[in-house]
Protein backbone atom coordinates (compact mmCIF):
# COMPACT_ATOMS: atom_id res chain seq x y z
CA UNK A 1 -31.19 -66.15 -46.25
CA UNK A 2 -32.58 -69.64 -46.03
CA UNK A 3 -36.17 -70.30 -47.79
CA UNK A 4 -37.97 -71.95 -44.93
CA UNK A 5 -41.04 -72.61 -47.68
CA UNK A 6 -39.06 -74.97 -49.61
CA UNK A 7 -39.11 -78.37 -48.23
CA UNK A 8 -35.24 -79.38 -47.81
CA UNK A 9 -34.71 -76.37 -45.25
CA UNK A 10 -37.44 -76.96 -43.37
CA UNK A 11 -37.13 -77.52 -39.59
CA UNK A 12 -36.70 -80.79 -37.63
CA UNK A 13 -40.50 -82.27 -37.74
CA UNK A 14 -41.81 -80.52 -40.89
CA UNK A 15 -42.71 -77.47 -39.31
CA UNK A 16 -44.68 -74.73 -40.91
CA UNK A 17 -43.03 -71.19 -40.86
CA UNK A 18 -45.70 -70.03 -38.82
CA UNK A 19 -45.38 -72.62 -35.75
CA UNK A 20 -41.44 -72.80 -36.07
CA UNK A 21 -41.61 -68.73 -35.60
CA UNK A 22 -43.76 -69.52 -32.44
CA UNK A 23 -42.13 -72.14 -31.31
CA UNK A 24 -38.79 -70.01 -31.40
CA UNK A 25 -40.65 -66.97 -29.73
CA UNK A 26 -42.37 -69.23 -26.76
CA UNK A 27 -38.48 -70.41 -25.77
CA UNK A 28 -37.26 -66.53 -25.92
CA UNK A 29 -40.03 -65.86 -23.52
CA UNK A 30 -39.75 -68.41 -21.39
CA UNK A 31 -36.25 -67.77 -20.61
CA UNK A 32 -36.90 -64.11 -20.23
CA UNK A 33 -39.01 -65.32 -17.54
CA UNK A 34 -36.72 -67.71 -15.86
CA UNK A 35 -33.84 -65.43 -16.02
CA UNK A 36 -36.33 -62.09 -14.44
CA UNK A 37 -37.35 -64.67 -11.93
CA UNK A 38 -34.06 -65.71 -10.91
CA UNK A 39 -32.85 -62.49 -9.73
CA UNK A 40 -36.12 -61.74 -8.09
CA UNK A 41 -36.06 -60.72 -4.23
CA UNK A 42 -38.62 -64.09 -3.54
CA UNK A 43 -36.34 -66.29 -5.14
CA UNK A 44 -32.94 -65.17 -4.28
CA UNK A 45 -34.56 -65.54 -0.82
CA UNK A 46 -35.72 -68.96 -1.06
CA UNK A 47 -32.63 -69.80 -2.35
CA UNK A 48 -30.27 -68.51 0.08
CA UNK A 49 -27.82 -70.68 2.14
CA UNK A 50 -28.81 -71.31 5.89
CA UNK A 51 -27.55 -70.29 8.22
CA UNK A 52 -26.91 -66.48 6.62
CA UNK A 53 -25.52 -65.21 9.96
CA UNK A 54 -24.32 -66.80 13.09
CA UNK A 55 -25.96 -69.08 14.75
CA UNK A 56 -27.03 -68.01 18.61
CA UNK A 57 -27.20 -71.37 21.02
CA UNK A 58 -28.93 -70.45 24.55
CA UNK A 59 -28.41 -72.01 27.49
CA UNK A 60 -31.18 -71.05 29.53
CA UNK A 61 -29.09 -71.65 33.31
CA UNK A 62 -26.28 -69.13 34.63
CA UNK A 63 -22.33 -69.43 34.06
CA UNK A 64 -19.90 -72.20 35.50
CA UNK A 65 -22.16 -75.36 35.59
CA UNK A 66 -21.96 -78.27 32.86
CA UNK A 67 -24.72 -76.85 30.59
CA UNK A 68 -22.09 -74.28 29.74
CA UNK A 69 -19.54 -77.03 29.23
CA UNK A 70 -21.24 -79.29 27.13
CA UNK A 71 -23.01 -76.14 24.83
CA UNK A 72 -19.28 -74.91 24.38
CA UNK A 73 -17.92 -77.92 23.01
CA UNK A 74 -20.73 -78.86 20.88
CA UNK A 75 -20.88 -74.94 19.34
CA UNK A 76 -17.43 -74.77 18.93
CA UNK A 77 -17.34 -77.85 16.47
CA UNK A 78 -20.55 -77.26 14.78
CA UNK A 79 -18.93 -73.82 13.62
CA UNK A 80 -16.40 -75.45 11.38
CA UNK A 81 -18.96 -76.93 9.31
CA UNK A 82 -21.96 -75.54 9.37
CA UNK A 83 -20.62 -72.34 7.36
CA UNK A 84 -21.46 -70.03 10.67
CA UNK A 85 -19.90 -68.86 13.74
CA UNK A 86 -21.91 -70.06 16.55
CA UNK A 87 -21.74 -68.46 19.92
CA UNK A 88 -23.08 -69.82 23.66
CA UNK A 89 -25.29 -67.09 25.51
CA UNK A 90 -26.16 -67.79 29.12
CA UNK A 91 -29.67 -67.04 29.91
CA UNK A 92 -31.06 -68.08 33.34
CA UNK A 93 -33.77 -67.24 35.38
CA UNK A 94 -36.89 -68.98 36.52
CA UNK A 95 -35.52 -72.49 36.28
CA UNK A 96 -34.81 -71.93 32.49
CA UNK A 97 -38.18 -70.68 31.53
CA UNK A 98 -37.45 -66.82 30.64
CA UNK A 99 -34.58 -68.84 28.10
CA UNK A 100 -37.00 -71.63 26.98
CA UNK A 101 -39.85 -69.06 26.37
CA UNK A 102 -37.85 -66.52 24.17
CA UNK A 103 -36.34 -69.27 21.89
CA UNK A 104 -40.14 -70.93 21.48
CA UNK A 105 -40.99 -67.16 19.84
CA UNK A 106 -37.49 -66.52 18.19
CA UNK A 107 -38.40 -66.20 14.57
CA UNK A 108 -35.26 -65.77 12.74
CA UNK A 109 -34.37 -69.63 12.10
CA UNK A 110 -30.88 -68.48 13.49
CA UNK A 111 -31.42 -68.84 17.79
CA UNK A 112 -31.81 -72.72 19.10
CA UNK A 113 -31.57 -73.40 22.62
CA UNK A 114 -29.80 -76.44 25.09
CA UNK A 115 -32.54 -78.39 25.66
CA UNK A 116 -31.92 -80.21 29.52
CA UNK A 117 -34.05 -82.57 31.99
CA UNK A 118 -35.20 -80.02 34.30
CA UNK A 119 -36.53 -77.79 31.16
CA UNK A 120 -37.89 -80.83 29.20
CA UNK A 121 -38.75 -82.91 31.47
CA UNK A 122 -39.02 -81.49 35.03
CA UNK A 123 -40.38 -78.41 34.58
CA UNK A 124 -43.57 -79.56 33.42
CA UNK A 125 -44.83 -81.04 36.13
CA UNK A 126 -43.80 -78.45 38.64
CA UNK A 127 -45.05 -75.55 37.03
CA UNK A 128 -48.75 -74.83 37.36
CA UNK A 129 -49.07 -73.12 34.15
CA UNK A 130 -45.45 -73.14 31.43
CA UNK A 131 -44.84 -70.25 29.45
CA UNK A 132 -43.78 -72.84 26.68
CA UNK A 133 -45.11 -75.84 25.48
CA UNK A 134 -42.36 -78.73 26.18
CA UNK A 135 -43.43 -81.16 23.18
CA UNK A 136 -45.05 -78.53 20.98
CA UNK A 137 -43.07 -75.36 20.84
CA UNK A 138 -39.46 -77.04 19.86
CA UNK A 139 -38.13 -79.33 17.90
CA UNK A 140 -35.82 -82.07 19.11
CA UNK A 141 -32.26 -82.23 17.12
CA UNK A 142 -30.12 -84.88 19.02
CA UNK A 143 -28.95 -85.86 22.26
CA UNK A 144 -25.85 -84.49 22.61
CA UNK A 145 -24.95 -85.75 26.17
CA UNK A 146 -25.45 -87.88 29.32
CA UNK A 147 -23.95 -86.44 32.10
CA UNK A 148 -23.13 -87.61 35.45
CA UNK A 149 -24.73 -86.78 38.15
CA UNK A 150 -21.95 -86.52 41.56
CA UNK A 151 -22.55 -86.36 45.13
CA UNK A 152 -20.54 -84.47 46.65
CA UNK A 153 -19.69 -82.10 50.12
CA UNK A 154 -17.44 -80.10 51.78
CA UNK A 155 -14.20 -81.29 52.59
CA UNK A 156 -15.17 -80.23 56.50
CA UNK A 157 -17.76 -82.76 56.85
CA UNK A 158 -16.70 -85.81 59.00
CA UNK A 159 -17.88 -88.63 56.36
CA UNK A 160 -15.69 -90.63 53.38
CA UNK A 161 -18.41 -92.12 51.63
CA UNK A 162 -22.53 -91.89 51.01
CA UNK A 163 -23.58 -94.85 54.01
CA UNK A 164 -21.15 -92.81 56.69
CA UNK A 165 -23.35 -89.63 54.99
CA UNK A 166 -26.50 -90.75 55.68
CA UNK A 167 -25.99 -92.08 58.86
CA UNK A 168 -24.68 -88.80 59.89
CA UNK A 169 -27.81 -86.83 58.50
CA UNK A 170 -29.91 -89.41 59.89
CA UNK A 171 -28.41 -88.53 63.44
CA UNK A 172 -29.71 -84.48 62.91
CA UNK A 173 -32.86 -84.52 60.81
CA UNK A 174 -32.89 -81.13 59.77
CA UNK A 175 -29.70 -79.84 60.35
CA UNK A 176 -27.65 -80.91 57.34
CA UNK A 177 -28.12 -78.22 54.09
CA UNK A 178 -27.57 -79.46 50.55
CA UNK A 179 -27.45 -76.61 47.36
CA UNK A 180 -28.90 -76.99 43.88
CA UNK A 181 -29.37 -74.64 40.84
CA UNK A 182 -32.29 -73.81 41.91
CA UNK A 183 -35.94 -75.23 42.35
CA UNK A 184 -36.78 -77.64 39.47
CA UNK A 185 -33.36 -78.16 38.31
CA UNK A 186 -31.47 -81.57 37.93
CA UNK A 187 -29.49 -81.21 41.27
CA UNK A 188 -32.42 -80.54 43.23
CA UNK A 189 -33.95 -83.47 41.00
CA UNK A 190 -31.12 -85.77 42.32
CA UNK A 191 -30.87 -85.05 45.75
CA UNK A 192 -34.39 -85.45 46.42
CA UNK A 193 -34.83 -88.77 45.06
CA UNK A 194 -31.44 -89.86 47.00
CA UNK A 195 -33.53 -88.68 50.07
CA UNK A 196 -36.40 -90.44 48.87
CA UNK A 197 -34.62 -93.63 48.56
CA UNK A 198 -32.80 -93.26 52.14
CA UNK A 199 -35.49 -91.52 54.20
CA UNK A 200 -33.79 -88.75 54.52
CA UNK A 201 -34.42 -85.59 55.78
CA UNK A 202 -31.73 -82.78 54.51
CA UNK A 203 -32.93 -79.31 53.83
CA UNK A 204 -32.88 -77.86 50.35
CA UNK A 205 -31.50 -74.31 49.39
CA UNK A 206 -31.93 -73.24 46.19
CA UNK A 207 -29.46 -70.88 43.82
CA UNK A 208 -29.56 -69.05 40.59
CA UNK A 209 -27.65 -71.05 39.19
CA UNK A 210 -24.45 -73.72 39.61
CA UNK A 211 -21.54 -71.52 40.37
CA UNK A 212 -23.29 -68.98 43.34
CA UNK A 213 -23.95 -72.52 44.62
CA UNK A 214 -20.83 -73.99 44.29
CA UNK A 215 -19.51 -71.14 45.71
CA UNK A 216 -21.17 -71.60 48.91
CA UNK A 217 -20.67 -75.35 48.92
CA UNK A 218 -16.81 -74.56 49.03
CA UNK A 219 -17.26 -72.12 51.88
CA UNK A 220 -18.63 -74.30 54.08
CA UNK A 221 -22.06 -72.32 53.88
CA UNK A 222 -23.80 -75.49 52.64
CA UNK A 223 -22.27 -79.48 53.50
CA UNK A 224 -23.41 -80.94 50.18
CA UNK A 225 -24.94 -81.12 46.79
CA UNK A 226 -25.50 -83.18 43.32
CA UNK A 227 -23.96 -81.68 40.43
CA UNK A 228 -23.16 -82.79 37.17
CA UNK A 229 -19.56 -84.23 36.61
CA UNK A 230 -18.63 -81.67 33.88
CA UNK A 231 -18.48 -79.25 36.70
CA UNK A 232 -17.05 -80.83 39.33
CA UNK A 233 -14.05 -82.94 38.70
CA UNK A 234 -11.59 -80.01 38.72
CA UNK A 235 -12.70 -79.03 42.36
CA UNK A 236 -12.53 -83.17 43.51
CA UNK A 237 -9.36 -83.48 42.57
CA UNK A 238 -8.20 -79.86 43.35
CA UNK A 239 -9.44 -81.74 47.36
CA UNK A 240 -12.15 -79.15 47.36
CA UNK A 241 -14.82 -80.98 47.54
CA UNK A 242 -15.30 -84.58 48.17
CA UNK A 243 -16.99 -86.69 46.17
CA UNK A 244 -19.10 -89.48 48.29
CA UNK A 245 -20.92 -91.21 45.32
CA UNK A 246 -21.71 -91.26 41.45
CA UNK A 247 -25.37 -92.04 40.21
CA UNK A 248 -24.04 -94.00 37.35
CA UNK A 249 -24.47 -97.85 36.55
CA UNK A 250 -20.54 -98.01 37.06
CA UNK A 251 -17.49 -96.45 38.48
CA UNK A 252 -16.37 -93.29 36.68
CA UNK A 253 -12.83 -93.78 35.04
CA UNK A 254 -11.97 -90.55 36.71
CA UNK A 255 -12.92 -91.63 39.44
CA UNK A 256 -12.18 -95.20 40.10
CA UNK A 257 -12.27 -95.32 44.07
CA UNK A 258 -15.61 -93.66 44.37
CA UNK A 259 -18.69 -96.26 44.36
CA UNK A 260 -21.79 -95.84 42.67
CA UNK A 261 -25.02 -95.05 44.73
CA UNK A 262 -26.44 -98.47 43.88
CA UNK A 263 -23.01 -100.36 45.34
CA UNK A 264 -23.84 -98.22 48.68
CA UNK A 265 -27.06 -99.79 49.42
CA UNK A 266 -29.35 -98.51 46.91
CA UNK A 267 -30.14 -101.29 44.33
CA UNK A 268 -30.96 -100.32 40.23
CA UNK A 269 -30.27 -95.91 41.55
CA UNK A 270 -29.21 -94.21 38.44
CA UNK A 271 -29.14 -90.64 38.31
CA UNK A 272 -27.93 -88.62 35.11
CA UNK A 273 -28.28 -85.10 33.63
CA UNK A 274 -28.76 -84.61 29.65
CA UNK A 275 -28.62 -82.07 27.50
CA UNK A 276 -29.74 -81.77 23.52
CA UNK A 277 -29.70 -79.27 21.13
CA UNK A 278 -33.49 -77.94 20.35
CA UNK A 279 -35.15 -75.56 17.57
CA UNK A 280 -38.50 -73.77 17.33
CA UNK A 281 -41.04 -75.94 16.03
CA UNK A 282 -42.33 -73.05 13.58
CA UNK A 283 -38.63 -73.33 11.67
CA UNK A 284 -38.22 -74.77 7.79
CA UNK A 285 -38.37 -78.23 7.67
CA UNK A 286 -35.71 -78.37 5.34
CA UNK A 287 -33.24 -75.99 7.97
CA UNK A 288 -34.41 -78.00 10.80
CA UNK A 289 -32.86 -81.19 8.63
CA UNK A 290 -29.72 -79.40 7.70
CA UNK A 291 -29.24 -78.28 11.46
CA UNK A 292 -29.79 -82.20 12.66
CA UNK A 293 -27.42 -82.97 10.54
CA UNK A 294 -24.63 -81.21 11.34
CA UNK A 295 -25.53 -81.37 15.03
CA UNK A 296 -25.14 -84.81 14.73
CA UNK A 297 -22.28 -84.84 13.11
CA UNK A 298 -20.50 -82.29 15.63
CA UNK A 299 -21.45 -84.51 18.48
CA UNK A 300 -19.70 -87.36 17.24
CA UNK A 301 -16.80 -86.29 16.21
CA UNK A 302 -13.60 -87.69 17.70
CA UNK A 303 -12.90 -84.05 19.64
CA UNK A 304 -16.41 -83.40 21.09
CA UNK A 305 -16.42 -86.99 22.40
CA UNK A 306 -13.29 -86.38 24.18
CA UNK A 307 -13.29 -83.11 25.21
CA UNK A 308 -16.70 -84.37 26.96
CA UNK A 309 -15.13 -87.68 27.99
CA UNK A 310 -12.10 -85.51 29.49
CA UNK A 311 -15.17 -84.49 31.97
CA UNK A 312 -16.76 -87.93 32.63
CA UNK A 313 -19.67 -86.59 30.31
CA UNK A 314 -21.17 -89.18 27.23
CA UNK A 315 -20.89 -87.70 23.93
CA UNK A 316 -25.03 -89.04 22.35
CA UNK A 317 -25.71 -87.52 19.03
CA UNK A 318 -28.66 -89.69 18.06
CA UNK A 319 -31.73 -88.63 15.43
CA UNK A 320 -33.90 -85.78 16.08
CA UNK A 321 -36.98 -88.77 16.20
CA UNK A 322 -34.59 -90.75 18.90
CA UNK A 323 -34.36 -87.68 20.94
CA UNK A 324 -37.65 -87.01 20.72
CA UNK A 325 -38.85 -90.16 22.17
CA UNK A 326 -36.07 -90.30 24.67
CA UNK A 327 -38.05 -86.89 26.09
CA UNK A 328 -41.11 -88.62 26.18
CA UNK A 329 -39.40 -91.72 28.43
CA UNK A 330 -37.98 -89.36 30.69
CA UNK A 331 -41.32 -87.30 30.96
CA UNK A 332 -43.23 -90.60 32.18
CA UNK A 333 -39.89 -91.65 34.11
CA UNK A 334 -39.73 -88.64 36.34
CA UNK A 335 -43.37 -87.14 36.83
CA UNK A 336 -44.48 -89.94 39.37
CA UNK A 337 -41.18 -88.85 41.51
CA UNK A 338 -41.64 -84.93 41.95
CA UNK A 339 -45.22 -85.82 42.70
CA UNK A 340 -44.22 -88.11 45.38
CA UNK A 341 -41.07 -85.32 46.29
CA UNK A 342 -43.34 -82.05 46.37
CA UNK A 343 -41.19 -80.27 44.68
CA UNK A 344 -42.12 -76.81 43.78
CA UNK A 345 -40.78 -74.33 41.62
CA UNK A 346 -39.11 -71.18 43.54
CA UNK A 347 -41.50 -68.83 45.03
CA UNK A 348 -44.60 -71.53 45.56
């Protein structure tokens, strides 16, 4: 047995036998405490990997529109790196307010939403009271895509371009109808913007989603509409709709023969829809940060850029701070337009 009372056998730093024993005991107790803490439910929860189950990406509009195309493109790519599936769920109603309210109140940190020009930059100015606060209840993650707005008519309408359409409409004030996905939707805003700059009277017919509206447009029950390029290109290429103008600043590669609105007499005209990922602001900072990294990574992949590009949509993938600044700029841009066009919500 080692004799700790002998100087040659004393522990380092010449500790007394009592001090050495106390130190050894303290280390043993500390190790036991750490081991016990590591297996406690609290620490296990705190250290668990996020996400711990599939993510739910809510699209606040009916199936069949540009929003669903954008959502599915980024969701599929995020699922490859985030460690869980990302499934898309359409939840239309009340110009997107129903879905926005539900996600704002979600508490499981696995439900996020596809933000949109309508729900973030239009609804705050057309509804007297919203069930959510666009700037406080959500944390911007990344601007996924900008989608060019196209202006289309039924092929039987005797017009080939925007100039002819405006002249035709002015000769028949109030006799032509255009459809949109609902009051306050991007399509509604786009067409009211065109009506305002061209001083034309065309009747608005709101629908509950882009899909039902396009069905009636192609059936001839409507004469015109403005919708994001991804949802329209297949019908334009098939000859079921005629594109008379694009809301972009330059012509689209997919529609090289279609001039922009600006080219046809309305200088500096631009109208694009946009979509971005938003998480409830009550999420933990760590989970929001991880989601931002993965969402930006997914949006900037070649696969997403190519998929969206094939539909004339532009992939962005900026930071959450940049997206937040963009939203505020869009709110400032559209507030006076909404007031001047007297855009009101459904039923108002």
